[in-house]
């Protein structure tokens, strides 16, 4: 249970019976008749300014607190820079990441129509769209849909399968907001700025909340869990290349190499930032040989490929040998 204290009273996050989303409640069970004010007090201590509260409804503030308590955001303090606790990493782990990401990249070069190349096509069209005055949202939505399908997000049980490709258009419009330009192909070191990493999770929350509403409509029943972080991070990787896709194989790769935690949150991202920064020269030497239709592969994509391939290669029950 996620708990926090405001004015010496202990609160927790529970499920809102009306919306299905997170809601604050008192741990002692007493009814809270000023939920919005409690949220405001908590978020002021967290670093929010009055400007940040504009047009925010109570449910939105409660979702933000839930995100903070789950470790998805870094507190906003006067000092905007994060100081990393630099670790010493096993040299064998770094060599594995380099070898695995290189193998993955080279496998894609063998088959020009390989399904995992859909990430490259998708990443390029979203890069180009950020520079256009008039955007073809229909075209971008087709690309995003096919990329997600290629990477397993349109399996039979997926709620996305019940909608046509245009369901992603509101996400695309949000992603193309210029305030997110810094996230496109971001370098790991930029996440040491608290405002930047908070921006990542602000966008992640938007994507999650949007898909949650679509899924509730499709399922026509109460859904207890949020949309999977796998879907959210695959979208982020596909349109911005700003974080790994936290799917089964990537998380297995993290576990096998004892790197970070298997959750998409600020702590995990900063662990990856620390790893990249600590081994910058070796990783950059390898990444310099990779490009996607004239664009450099993002640093986070290289880590994504490396850990994914490590997890993939360790699965003896997958029934096929090559990732492409």
C-alpha atoms as a PDB file:
ATOM      1  CA  UNK A   1       0.000   0.000   0.000  1.00  0.00           C
ATOM      2  CA  UNK A   2       1.421   3.421  -0.984  1.00  0.00           C
ATOM      3  CA  UNK A   3       1.237   5.756   2.016  1.00  0.00           C
ATOM      4  CA  UNK A   4       2.075   9.403   2.613  1.00  0.00           C
ATOM      5  CA  UNK A   5       1.553  11.929   5.404  1.00  0.00           C
ATOM      6  CA  UNK A   6       0.018  15.417   5.233  1.00  0.00           C
ATOM      7  CA  UNK A   7      -0.411  17.479   8.424  1.00  0.00           C
ATOM      8  CA  UNK A   8       0.432  14.417  10.562  1.00  0.00           C
ATOM      9  CA  UNK A   9      -2.416  12.391   9.022  1.00  0.00           C
ATOM     10  CA  UNK A  10      -1.557   9.209   7.138  1.00  0.00           C
ATOM     11  CA  UNK A  11      -3.109   8.727   3.704  1.00  0.00           C
ATOM     12  CA  UNK A  12      -2.963   5.957   1.144  1.00  0.00           C
ATOM     13  CA  UNK A  13      -3.937   5.342  -2.461  1.00  0.00           C
ATOM     14  CA  UNK A  14      -7.026   3.242  -3.089  1.00  0.00           C
ATOM     15  CA  UNK A  15      -9.179   2.542  -6.124  1.00  0.00           C
ATOM     16  CA  UNK A  16     -11.773   5.173  -7.001  1.00  0.00           C
ATOM     17  CA  UNK A  17     -15.114   3.302  -7.161  1.00  0.00           C
ATOM     18  CA  UNK A  18     -16.442   5.671  -9.848  1.00  0.00           C
ATOM     19  CA  UNK A  19     -13.492   6.028 -12.235  1.00  0.00           C
ATOM     20  CA  UNK A  20     -11.461   2.922 -11.469  1.00  0.00           C
ATOM     21  CA  UNK A  21      -8.350   5.085 -11.116  1.00  0.00           C
ATOM     22  CA  UNK A  22      -6.262   5.920  -8.024  1.00  0.00           C
ATOM     23  CA  UNK A  23      -7.815   7.969  -5.208  1.00  0.00           C
ATOM     24  CA  UNK A  24      -6.444   9.197  -1.889  1.00  0.00           C
ATOM     25  CA  UNK A  25      -8.012   7.950   1.352  1.00  0.00           C
ATOM     26  CA  UNK A  26      -7.178   8.130   5.030  1.00  0.00           C
ATOM     27  CA  UNK A  27      -5.524   5.036   6.424  1.00  0.00           C
ATOM     28  CA  UNK A  28      -7.793   5.215   9.500  1.00  0.00           C
ATOM     29  CA  UNK A  29     -10.884   5.001   7.258  1.00  0.00           C
ATOM     30  CA  UNK A  30     -12.277   8.466   8.039  1.00  0.00           C
ATOM     31  CA  UNK A  31     -13.911  10.090   5.015  1.00  0.00           C
ATOM     32  CA  UNK A  32     -11.787  12.719   3.209  1.00  0.00           C
ATOM     33  CA  UNK A  33     -13.971  15.667   2.227  1.00  0.00           C
ATOM     34  CA  UNK A  34     -11.095  17.858   0.935  1.00  0.00           C
ATOM     35  CA  UNK A  35      -9.216  15.495  -1.354  1.00  0.00           C
ATOM     36  CA  UNK A  36      -8.082  18.211  -3.757  1.00  0.00           C
ATOM     37  CA  UNK A  37      -6.587  20.348  -0.990  1.00  0.00           C
ATOM     38  CA  UNK A  38      -4.720  17.336   0.440  1.00  0.00           C
ATOM     39  CA  UNK A  39      -3.344  16.663  -3.033  1.00  0.00           C
ATOM     40  CA  UNK A  40      -2.264  20.292  -3.366  1.00  0.00           C
ATOM     41  CA  UNK A  41      -0.435  20.223  -0.025  1.00  0.00           C
ATOM     42  CA  UNK A  42       1.390  17.030  -0.927  1.00  0.00           C
ATOM     43  CA  UNK A  43       2.397  18.307  -4.369  1.00  0.00           C
ATOM     44  CA  UNK A  44       3.546  21.681  -3.013  1.00  0.00           C
ATOM     45  CA  UNK A  45       5.965  19.825  -0.729  1.00  0.00           C
ATOM     46  CA  UNK A  46       7.025  17.820  -3.759  1.00  0.00           C
ATOM     47  CA  UNK A  47       7.956  21.022  -5.578  1.00  0.00           C
ATOM     48  CA  UNK A  48       4.871  22.062  -7.557  1.00  0.00           C
ATOM     49  CA  UNK A  49       4.206  25.747  -8.232  1.00  0.00           C
ATOM     50  CA  UNK A  50       0.776  27.416  -8.401  1.00  0.00           C
ATOM     51  CA  UNK A  51       1.060  27.503 -12.196  1.00  0.00           C
ATOM     52  CA  UNK A  52       1.260  23.706 -12.306  1.00  0.00           C
ATOM     53  CA  UNK A  53      -2.129  23.360 -10.607  1.00  0.00           C
ATOM     54  CA  UNK A  54      -4.028  25.261 -13.303  1.00  0.00           C
ATOM     55  CA  UNK A  55      -6.905  23.294 -14.876  1.00  0.00           C
ATOM     56  CA  UNK A  56      -6.061  20.191 -12.829  1.00  0.00           C
ATOM     57  CA  UNK A  57      -9.022  18.206 -11.553  1.00  0.00           C
ATOM     58  CA  UNK A  58      -8.809  16.169  -8.357  1.00  0.00           C
ATOM     59  CA  UNK A  59      -8.546  12.821 -10.159  1.00  0.00           C
ATOM     60  CA  UNK A  60      -5.620  14.128 -12.209  1.00  0.00           C
ATOM     61  CA  UNK A  61      -3.777  15.232  -9.059  1.00  0.00           C
ATOM     62  CA  UNK A  62      -4.428  11.852  -7.442  1.00  0.00           C
ATOM     63  CA  UNK A  63      -3.003  10.041 -10.484  1.00  0.00           C
ATOM     64  CA  UNK A  64       0.068  12.247 -10.254  1.00  0.00           C
ATOM     65  CA  UNK A  65       0.550  11.404  -6.562  1.00  0.00           C
ATOM     66  CA  UNK A  66       0.153   7.709  -7.354  1.00  0.00           C
ATOM     67  CA  UNK A  67       2.829   8.031 -10.026  1.00  0.00           C
ATOM     68  CA  UNK A  68       5.162   9.747  -7.565  1.00  0.00           C
ATOM     69  CA  UNK A  69       4.609   7.138  -4.873  1.00  0.00           C
ATOM     70  CA  UNK A  70       5.359   4.385  -7.402  1.00  0.00           C
ATOM     71  CA  UNK A  71       8.763   5.933  -8.058  1.00  0.00           C
ATOM     72  CA  UNK A  72       7.983   7.218 -11.558  1.00  0.00           C
ATOM     73  CA  UNK A  73       9.032  10.805 -10.888  1.00  0.00           C
ATOM     74  CA  UNK A  74      11.916  12.663  -9.359  1.00  0.00           C
ATOM     75  CA  UNK A  75      11.050  15.449  -6.838  1.00  0.00           C
ATOM     76  CA  UNK A  76      11.176  18.996  -8.200  1.00  0.00           C
ATOM     77  CA  UNK A  77      13.703  20.887  -6.128  1.00  0.00           C
ATOM     78  CA  UNK A  78      15.520  24.156  -6.694  1.00  0.00           C
ATOM     79  CA  UNK A  79      18.548  22.249  -7.975  1.00  0.00           C
ATOM     80  CA  UNK A  80      17.420  20.779 -11.288  1.00  0.00           C
ATOM     81  CA  UNK A  81      20.321  18.346 -11.674  1.00  0.00           C
ATOM     82  CA  UNK A  82      20.445  14.751 -10.493  1.00  0.00           C
ATOM     83  CA  UNK A  83      23.736  13.471  -9.129  1.00  0.00           C
ATOM     84  CA  UNK A  84      24.132   9.826 -10.015  1.00  0.00           C
ATOM     85  CA  UNK A  85      25.721   7.287  -7.713  1.00  0.00           C
ATOM     86  CA  UNK A  86      28.265   6.031 -10.210  1.00  0.00           C
ATOM     87  CA  UNK A  87      28.823   2.277  -9.906  1.00  0.00           C
ATOM     88  CA  UNK A  88      31.475  -0.058 -11.176  1.00  0.00           C
ATOM     89  CA  UNK A  89      29.957  -2.463 -13.659  1.00  0.00           C
ATOM     90  CA  UNK A  90      31.134  -5.923 -14.535  1.00  0.00           C
ATOM     91  CA  UNK A  91      33.170  -5.559 -17.761  1.00  0.00           C
ATOM     92  CA  UNK A  92      31.624  -8.808 -19.002  1.00  0.00           C
ATOM     93  CA  UNK A  93      28.158  -7.259 -18.754  1.00  0.00           C
ATOM     94  CA  UNK A  94      29.211  -4.309 -20.928  1.00  0.00           C
ATOM     95  CA  UNK A  95      30.750  -6.651 -23.494  1.00  0.00           C
ATOM     96  CA  UNK A  96      27.528  -8.685 -23.523  1.00  0.00           C
ATOM     97  CA  UNK A  97      25.452  -5.556 -24.159  1.00  0.00           C
ATOM     98  CA  UNK A  98      27.765  -4.502 -26.987  1.00  0.00           C
ATOM     99  CA  UNK A  99      27.794  -7.965 -28.557  1.00  0.00           C
ATOM    100  CA  UNK A 100      24.033  -8.482 -28.188  1.00  0.00           C
ATOM    101  CA  UNK A 101      23.057  -5.063 -29.567  1.00  0.00           C
ATOM    102  CA  UNK A 102      25.487  -5.496 -32.475  1.00  0.00           C
ATOM    103  CA  UNK A 103      24.101  -8.951 -33.259  1.00  0.00           C
ATOM    104  CA  UNK A 104      20.549  -7.634 -33.165  1.00  0.00           C
ATOM    105  CA  UNK A 105      21.425  -4.720 -35.435  1.00  0.00           C
ATOM    106  CA  UNK A 106      23.285  -6.948 -37.914  1.00  0.00           C
ATOM    107  CA  UNK A 107      20.429  -9.470 -38.029  1.00  0.00           C
ATOM    108  CA  UNK A 108      18.105  -6.679 -39.141  1.00  0.00           C
ATOM    109  CA  UNK A 109      20.472  -5.820 -41.980  1.00  0.00           C
ATOM    110  CA  UNK A 110      20.223  -9.377 -43.346  1.00  0.00           C
ATOM    111  CA  UNK A 111      16.475  -9.178 -44.031  1.00  0.00           C
ATOM    112  CA  UNK A 112      15.342  -5.822 -45.401  1.00  0.00           C
ATOM    113  CA  UNK A 113      11.722  -6.848 -44.770  1.00  0.00           C
ATOM    114  CA  UNK A 114      12.245  -8.268 -41.261  1.00  0.00           C
ATOM    115  CA  UNK A 115       9.398  -7.457 -38.897  1.00  0.00           C
ATOM    116  CA  UNK A 116      11.544  -5.767 -36.269  1.00  0.00           C
ATOM    117  CA  UNK A 117      12.690  -3.196 -38.836  1.00  0.00           C
ATOM    118  CA  UNK A 118       9.276  -1.621 -38.381  1.00  0.00           C
ATOM    119  CA  UNK A 119      10.799   0.250 -35.428  1.00  0.00           C
ATOM    120  CA  UNK A 120      13.284   1.911 -37.783  1.00  0.00           C
ATOM    121  CA  UNK A 121      10.587   2.973 -40.240  1.00  0.00           C
ATOM    122  CA  UNK A 122       8.355   4.260 -37.454  1.00  0.00           C
ATOM    123  CA  UNK A 123      11.150   6.189 -35.738  1.00  0.00           C
ATOM    124  CA  UNK A 124      12.125   7.880 -39.022  1.00  0.00           C
ATOM    125  CA  UNK A 125       8.608   9.030 -39.938  1.00  0.00           C
ATOM    126  CA  UNK A 126       8.083  10.488 -36.463  1.00  0.00           C
ATOM    127  CA  UNK A 127      11.424  12.279 -36.742  1.00  0.00           C
ATOM    128  CA  UNK A 128      10.347  13.817 -40.043  1.00  0.00           C
ATOM    129  CA  UNK A 129       6.879  14.706 -38.712  1.00  0.00           C
ATOM    130  CA  UNK A 130       8.378  16.878 -35.962  1.00  0.00           C
ATOM    131  CA  UNK A 131       9.755  19.170 -38.664  1.00  0.00           C
ATOM    132  CA  UNK A 132       6.573  19.464 -40.744  1.00  0.00           C
ATOM    133  CA  UNK A 133       4.072  22.318 -40.655  1.00  0.00           C
ATOM    134  CA  UNK A 134       1.263  20.016 -41.802  1.00  0.00           C
ATOM    135  CA  UNK A 135       1.207  16.519 -40.283  1.00  0.00           C
ATOM    136  CA  UNK A 136      -0.512  13.492 -41.818  1.00  0.00           C
ATOM    137  CA  UNK A 137      -1.846  11.901 -38.623  1.00  0.00           C
ATOM    138  CA  UNK A 138      -3.499   9.102 -40.560  1.00  0.00           C
ATOM    139  CA  UNK A 139      -0.152   8.085 -42.081  1.00  0.00           C
ATOM    140  CA  UNK A 140       1.640   8.233 -38.735  1.00  0.00           C
ATOM    141  CA  UNK A 141      -1.080   6.200 -37.061  1.00  0.00           C
ATOM    142  CA  UNK A 142      -0.717   3.467 -39.674  1.00  0.00           C
ATOM    143  CA  UNK A 143       3.016   3.320 -39.012  1.00  0.00           C
ATOM    144  CA  UNK A 144       2.554   3.239 -35.235  1.00  0.00           C
ATOM    145  CA  UNK A 145      -0.077   0.504 -35.485  1.00  0.00           C
ATOM    146  CA  UNK A 146       2.081  -1.728 -37.646  1.00  0.00           C
ATOM    147  CA  UNK A 147       5.136  -1.173 -35.459  1.00  0.00           C
ATOM    148  CA  UNK A 148       3.146  -2.144 -32.344  1.00  0.00           C
ATOM    149  CA  UNK A 149       1.753  -5.196 -34.132  1.00  0.00           C
ATOM    150  CA  UNK A 150       5.271  -6.238 -35.184  1.00  0.00           C
ATOM    151  CA  UNK A 151       6.373  -6.066 -31.569  1.00  0.00           C
ATOM    152  CA  UNK A 152       3.497  -8.132 -30.175  1.00  0.00           C
ATOM    153  CA  UNK A 153       1.008  -5.487 -29.051  1.00  0.00           C
ATOM    154  CA  UNK A 154      -1.851  -6.725 -31.266  1.00  0.00           C
ATOM    155  CA  UNK A 155      -2.182 -10.271 -29.993  1.00  0.00           C
ATOM    156  CA  UNK A 156      -5.661 -11.776 -29.718  1.00  0.00           C
ATOM    157  CA  UNK A 157      -6.268 -10.618 -26.146  1.00  0.00           C
ATOM    158  CA  UNK A 158      -5.223  -7.014 -26.812  1.00  0.00           C
ATOM    159  CA  UNK A 159      -7.941  -4.365 -26.572  1.00  0.00           C
ATOM    160  CA  UNK A 160      -6.214  -2.579 -29.476  1.00  0.00           C
ATOM    161  CA  UNK A 161      -7.323  -5.389 -31.758  1.00  0.00           C
ATOM    162  CA  UNK A 162     -10.905  -4.193 -31.378  1.00  0.00           C
ATOM    163  CA  UNK A 163     -10.108  -0.735 -32.789  1.00  0.00           C
ATOM    164  CA  UNK A 164      -8.846   0.473 -36.145  1.00  0.00           C
ATOM    165  CA  UNK A 165      -5.433   2.083 -36.608  1.00  0.00           C
ATOM    166  CA  UNK A 166      -6.733   5.631 -36.055  1.00  0.00           C
ATOM    167  CA  UNK A 167      -7.196   4.950 -32.347  1.00  0.00           C
ATOM    168  CA  UNK A 168      -3.626   6.207 -31.837  1.00  0.00           C
ATOM    169  CA  UNK A 169      -4.163   9.674 -33.330  1.00  0.00           C
ATOM    170  CA  UNK A 170      -4.716  11.497 -29.963  1.00  0.00           C
ATOM    171  CA  UNK A 171      -1.466   9.943 -28.694  1.00  0.00           C
ATOM    172  CA  UNK A 172       0.369  11.091 -31.818  1.00  0.00           C
ATOM    173  CA  UNK A 173      -0.919  14.649 -31.474  1.00  0.00           C
ATOM    174  CA  UNK A 174       0.325  14.768 -27.883  1.00  0.00           C
ATOM    175  CA  UNK A 175       3.695  13.253 -28.732  1.00  0.00           C
ATOM    176  CA  UNK A 176       4.295  15.840 -31.455  1.00  0.00           C
ATOM    177  CA  UNK A 177       3.840  18.690 -28.983  1.00  0.00           C
ATOM    178  CA  UNK A 178       7.137  20.571 -29.192  1.00  0.00           C
ATOM    179  CA  UNK A 179       7.605  20.466 -25.445  1.00  0.00           C
ATOM    180  CA  UNK A 180       8.621  16.821 -25.959  1.00  0.00           C
ATOM    181  CA  UNK A 181      11.251  17.608 -28.605  1.00  0.00           C
ATOM    182  CA  UNK A 182      14.009  17.121 -26.045  1.00  0.00           C
ATOM    183  CA  UNK A 183      12.937  13.490 -25.596  1.00  0.00           C
ATOM    184  CA  UNK A 184      13.424  12.559 -29.256  1.00  0.00           C
ATOM    185  CA  UNK A 185      16.568  10.438 -29.515  1.00  0.00           C
ATOM    186  CA  UNK A 186      17.585  11.772 -26.109  1.00  0.00           C
ATOM    187  CA  UNK A 187      21.088  11.223 -24.773  1.00  0.00           C
ATOM    188  CA  UNK A 188      21.198   9.455 -21.424  1.00  0.00           C
ATOM    189  CA  UNK A 189      23.019  12.342 -19.735  1.00  0.00           C
ATOM    190  CA  UNK A 190      20.036  14.633 -20.338  1.00  0.00           C
ATOM    191  CA  UNK A 191      17.973  12.587 -17.896  1.00  0.00           C
ATOM    192  CA  UNK A 192      20.144  13.921 -15.103  1.00  0.00           C
ATOM    193  CA  UNK A 193      17.975  17.032 -15.356  1.00  0.00           C
ATOM    194  CA  UNK A 194      14.940  16.427 -13.120  1.00  0.00           C
ATOM    195  CA  UNK A 195      12.635  18.409 -15.345  1.00  0.00           C
ATOM    196  CA  UNK A 196      13.495  16.211 -18.312  1.00  0.00           C
ATOM    197  CA  UNK A 197      12.899  12.892 -16.583  1.00  0.00           C
ATOM    198  CA  UNK A 198       9.658  14.256 -15.124  1.00  0.00           C
ATOM    199  CA  UNK A 199       8.643  15.194 -18.671  1.00  0.00           C
ATOM    200  CA  UNK A 200       9.156  11.578 -19.734  1.00  0.00           C
ATOM    201  CA  UNK A 201       6.788  10.303 -17.057  1.00  0.00           C
ATOM    202  CA  UNK A 202       4.292  13.071 -17.686  1.00  0.00           C
ATOM    203  CA  UNK A 203       4.000  11.789 -21.252  1.00  0.00           C
ATOM    204  CA  UNK A 204       3.945   8.176 -20.063  1.00  0.00           C
ATOM    205  CA  UNK A 205       1.023   9.018 -17.755  1.00  0.00           C
ATOM    206  CA  UNK A 206      -0.849  10.655 -20.619  1.00  0.00           C
ATOM    207  CA  UNK A 207      -0.410   7.566 -22.806  1.00  0.00           C
ATOM    208  CA  UNK A 208      -1.404   5.218 -19.990  1.00  0.00           C
ATOM    209  CA  UNK A 209      -4.513   7.232 -19.073  1.00  0.00           C
ATOM    210  CA  UNK A 210      -5.646   7.471 -22.688  1.00  0.00           C
ATOM    211  CA  UNK A 211      -5.309   3.750 -23.366  1.00  0.00           C
ATOM    212  CA  UNK A 212      -6.925   2.938 -20.017  1.00  0.00           C
ATOM    213  CA  UNK A 213     -10.108   4.695 -21.136  1.00  0.00           C
ATOM    214  CA  UNK A 214     -10.111   2.852 -24.464  1.00  0.00           C
ATOM    215  CA  UNK A 215      -9.556  -0.480 -22.756  1.00  0.00           C
ATOM    216  CA  UNK A 216     -12.423   0.095 -20.296  1.00  0.00           C
ATOM    217  CA  UNK A 217     -14.720   0.809 -23.213  1.00  0.00           C
ATOM    218  CA  UNK A 218     -13.637  -2.346 -25.056  1.00  0.00           C
ATOM    219  CA  UNK A 219     -13.707  -4.680 -22.053  1.00  0.00           C
ATOM    220  CA  UNK A 220     -17.137  -3.419 -20.889  1.00  0.00           C
ATOM    221  CA  UNK A 221     -16.207  -4.446 -17.376  1.00  0.00           C
ATOM    222  CA  UNK A 222     -14.229  -3.217 -14.403  1.00  0.00           C
ATOM    223  CA  UNK A 223     -10.484  -3.285 -15.079  1.00  0.00           C
ATOM    224  CA  UNK A 224      -8.371  -3.260 -11.936  1.00  0.00           C
ATOM    225  CA  UNK A 225      -4.885  -2.831 -13.372  1.00  0.00           C
ATOM    226  CA  UNK A 226      -3.492   0.034 -15.440  1.00  0.00           C
ATOM    227  CA  UNK A 227      -2.500  -0.512 -19.052  1.00  0.00           C
ATOM    228  CA  UNK A 228       0.747  -2.466 -19.137  1.00  0.00           C
ATOM    229  CA  UNK A 229       4.022  -0.592 -19.011  1.00  0.00           C
ATOM    230  CA  UNK A 230       5.028  -2.787 -21.943  1.00  0.00           C
ATOM    231  CA  UNK A 231       2.540  -1.029 -24.222  1.00  0.00           C
ATOM    232  CA  UNK A 232       3.365   2.439 -22.875  1.00  0.00           C
ATOM    233  CA  UNK A 233       7.119   1.990 -23.252  1.00  0.00           C
ATOM    234  CA  UNK A 234       6.843   0.393 -26.697  1.00  0.00           C
ATOM    235  CA  UNK A 235       4.973   3.496 -27.839  1.00  0.00           C
ATOM    236  CA  UNK A 236       7.611   5.756 -26.287  1.00  0.00           C
ATOM    237  CA  UNK A 237      10.422   3.784 -27.904  1.00  0.00           C
ATOM    238  CA  UNK A 238       8.651   3.785 -31.257  1.00  0.00           C
ATOM    239  CA  UNK A 239       7.866   7.491 -31.505  1.00  0.00           C
ATOM    240  CA  UNK A 240      10.742   9.054 -29.555  1.00  0.00           C
ATOM    241  CA  UNK A 241      13.421   6.417 -28.902  1.00  0.00           C
ATOM    242  CA  UNK A 242      13.587   7.847 -25.389  1.00  0.00           C
ATOM    243  CA  UNK A 243      13.394   4.721 -23.199  1.00  0.00           C
ATOM    244  CA  UNK A 244      13.625   0.955 -23.586  1.00  0.00           C
ATOM    245  CA  UNK A 245      10.496  -1.096 -24.142  1.00  0.00           C
ATOM    246  CA  UNK A 246       9.981  -2.865 -20.822  1.00  0.00           C
ATOM    247  CA  UNK A 247       8.790  -6.170 -22.241  1.00  0.00           C
ATOM    248  CA  UNK A 248       9.463  -9.726 -21.133  1.00  0.00           C
ATOM    249  CA  UNK A 249      12.844 -10.180 -22.802  1.00  0.00           C
ATOM    250  CA  UNK A 250      14.225  -6.755 -21.902  1.00  0.00           C
ATOM    251  CA  UNK A 251      13.344  -7.237 -18.238  1.00  0.00           C
ATOM    252  CA  UNK A 252      14.793 -10.745 -18.282  1.00  0.00           C
ATOM    253  CA  UNK A 253      18.013  -9.297 -19.674  1.00  0.00           C
ATOM    254  CA  UNK A 254      18.157  -6.796 -16.814  1.00  0.00           C
ATOM    255  CA  UNK A 255      17.677  -9.578 -14.283  1.00  0.00           C
ATOM    256  CA  UNK A 256      20.343 -11.790 -15.788  1.00  0.00           C
ATOM    257  CA  UNK A 257      22.905  -9.008 -15.702  1.00  0.00           C
ATOM    258  CA  UNK A 258      21.767  -7.682 -12.301  1.00  0.00           C
ATOM    259  CA  UNK A 259      21.127  -4.188 -13.640  1.00  0.00           C
ATOM    260  CA  UNK A 260      18.488  -1.936 -12.070  1.00  0.00           C
ATOM    261  CA  UNK A 261      14.950  -3.115 -11.482  1.00  0.00           C
ATOM    262  CA  UNK A 262      12.340  -4.646 -13.774  1.00  0.00           C
ATOM    263  CA  UNK A 263       9.914  -1.719 -13.539  1.00  0.00           C
ATOM    264  CA  UNK A 264       9.489   1.323 -15.722  1.00  0.00           C
ATOM    265  CA  UNK A 265      10.110   4.116 -13.262  1.00  0.00           C
ATOM    266  CA  UNK A 266      12.590   6.915 -12.642  1.00  0.00           C
ATOM    267  CA  UNK A 267      14.894   4.724 -10.578  1.00  0.00           C
ATOM    268  CA  UNK A 268      15.206   2.166 -13.360  1.00  0.00           C
ATOM    269  CA  UNK A 269      15.830   4.819 -16.047  1.00  0.00           C
ATOM    270  CA  UNK A 270      18.507   6.469 -13.914  1.00  0.00           C
ATOM    271  CA  UNK A 271      20.202   3.098 -13.372  1.00  0.00           C
ATOM    272  CA  UNK A 272      20.449   2.775 -17.156  1.00  0.00           C
ATOM    273  CA  UNK A 273      21.727   6.344 -17.413  1.00  0.00           C
ATOM    274  CA  UNK A 274      24.395   5.546 -14.838  1.00  0.00           C
ATOM    275  CA  UNK A 275      25.421   2.403 -16.717  1.00  0.00           C
ATOM    276  CA  UNK A 276      25.720   4.271 -20.017  1.00  0.00           C
ATOM    277  CA  UNK A 277      27.621   7.183 -18.505  1.00  0.00           C
ATOM    278  CA  UNK A 278      30.044   4.861 -16.690  1.00  0.00           C
ATOM    279  CA  UNK A 279      30.835   3.021 -19.920  1.00  0.00           C
ATOM    280  CA  UNK A 280      30.312   5.871 -22.347  1.00  0.00           C
ATOM    281  CA  UNK A 281      33.376   5.462 -24.574  1.00  0.00           C
ATOM    282  CA  UNK A 282      32.892   1.748 -25.239  1.00  0.00           C
ATOM    283  CA  UNK A 283      29.156   2.011 -25.856  1.00  0.00           C
ATOM    284  CA  UNK A 284      29.491   5.093 -28.066  1.00  0.00           C
ATOM    285  CA  UNK A 285      32.151   3.431 -30.191  1.00  0.00           C
ATOM    286  CA  UNK A 286      29.661   0.669 -30.993  1.00  0.00           C
ATOM    287  CA  UNK A 287      26.646   2.943 -31.410  1.00  0.00           C
ATOM    288  CA  UNK A 288      28.536   5.097 -33.920  1.00  0.00           C
ATOM    289  CA  UNK A 289      28.307   2.172 -36.366  1.00  0.00           C
ATOM    290  CA  UNK A 290      24.521   2.043 -36.181  1.00  0.00           C
ATOM    291  CA  UNK A 291      22.090   4.227 -38.099  1.00  0.00           C
ATOM    292  CA  UNK A 292      18.424   4.195 -38.998  1.00  0.00           C
ATOM    293  CA  UNK A 293      17.739   5.715 -42.417  1.00  0.00           C
ATOM    294  CA  UNK A 294      20.399   8.370 -41.893  1.00  0.00           C
ATOM    295  CA  UNK A 295      19.654   8.950 -38.215  1.00  0.00           C
ATOM    296  CA  UNK A 296      21.873   7.678 -35.380  1.00  0.00           C
ATOM    297  CA  UNK A 297      20.437   4.942 -33.205  1.00  0.00           C
ATOM    298  CA  UNK A 298      19.408   6.470 -29.845  1.00  0.00           C
ATOM    299  CA  UNK A 299      21.438   5.474 -26.803  1.00  0.00           C
ATOM    300  CA  UNK A 300      18.330   4.055 -25.157  1.00  0.00           C
ATOM    301  CA  UNK A 301      17.621   1.960 -28.261  1.00  0.00           C
ATOM    302  CA  UNK A 302      21.080   0.447 -28.046  1.00  0.00           C
ATOM    303  CA  UNK A 303      20.449  -0.547 -24.425  1.00  0.00           C
ATOM    304  CA  UNK A 304      17.010  -1.793 -25.415  1.00  0.00           C
ATOM    305  CA  UNK A 305      18.471  -4.046 -28.121  1.00  0.00           C
ATOM    306  CA  UNK A 306      21.283  -5.293 -25.914  1.00  0.00           C
ATOM    307  CA  UNK A 307      19.247  -6.349 -22.899  1.00  0.00           C
ATOM    308  CA  UNK A 308      16.384  -7.617 -25.095  1.00  0.00           C
ATOM    309  CA  UNK A 309      18.745  -9.876 -27.030  1.00  0.00           C
ATOM    310  CA  UNK A 310      20.337 -11.158 -23.818  1.00  0.00           C
ATOM    311  CA  UNK A 311      16.884 -12.090 -22.523  1.00  0.00           C
ATOM    312  CA  UNK A 312      15.798 -13.498 -25.879  1.00  0.00           C
ATOM    313  CA  UNK A 313      18.866 -15.709 -26.285  1.00  0.00           C
ATOM    314  CA  UNK A 314      18.435 -17.141 -22.789  1.00  0.00           C
ATOM    315  CA  UNK A 315      14.871 -18.356 -23.540  1.00  0.00           C
ATOM    316  CA  UNK A 316      15.187 -21.992 -24.549  1.00  0.00           C
ATOM    317  CA  UNK A 317      11.436 -22.452 -25.065  1.00  0.00           C
ATOM    318  CA  UNK A 318      10.755 -19.810 -27.711  1.00  0.00           C
ATOM    319  CA  UNK A 319      10.863 -22.292 -30.614  1.00  0.00           C
ATOM    320  CA  UNK A 320      13.081 -20.221 -32.963  1.00  0.00           C
ATOM    321  CA  UNK A 321      16.675 -19.033 -32.876  1.00  0.00           C
ATOM    322  CA  UNK A 322      16.888 -15.616 -34.500  1.00  0.00           C
ATOM    323  CA  UNK A 323      15.200 -12.472 -33.251  1.00  0.00           C
ATOM    324  CA  UNK A 324      14.244 -11.289 -36.721  1.00  0.00           C
END
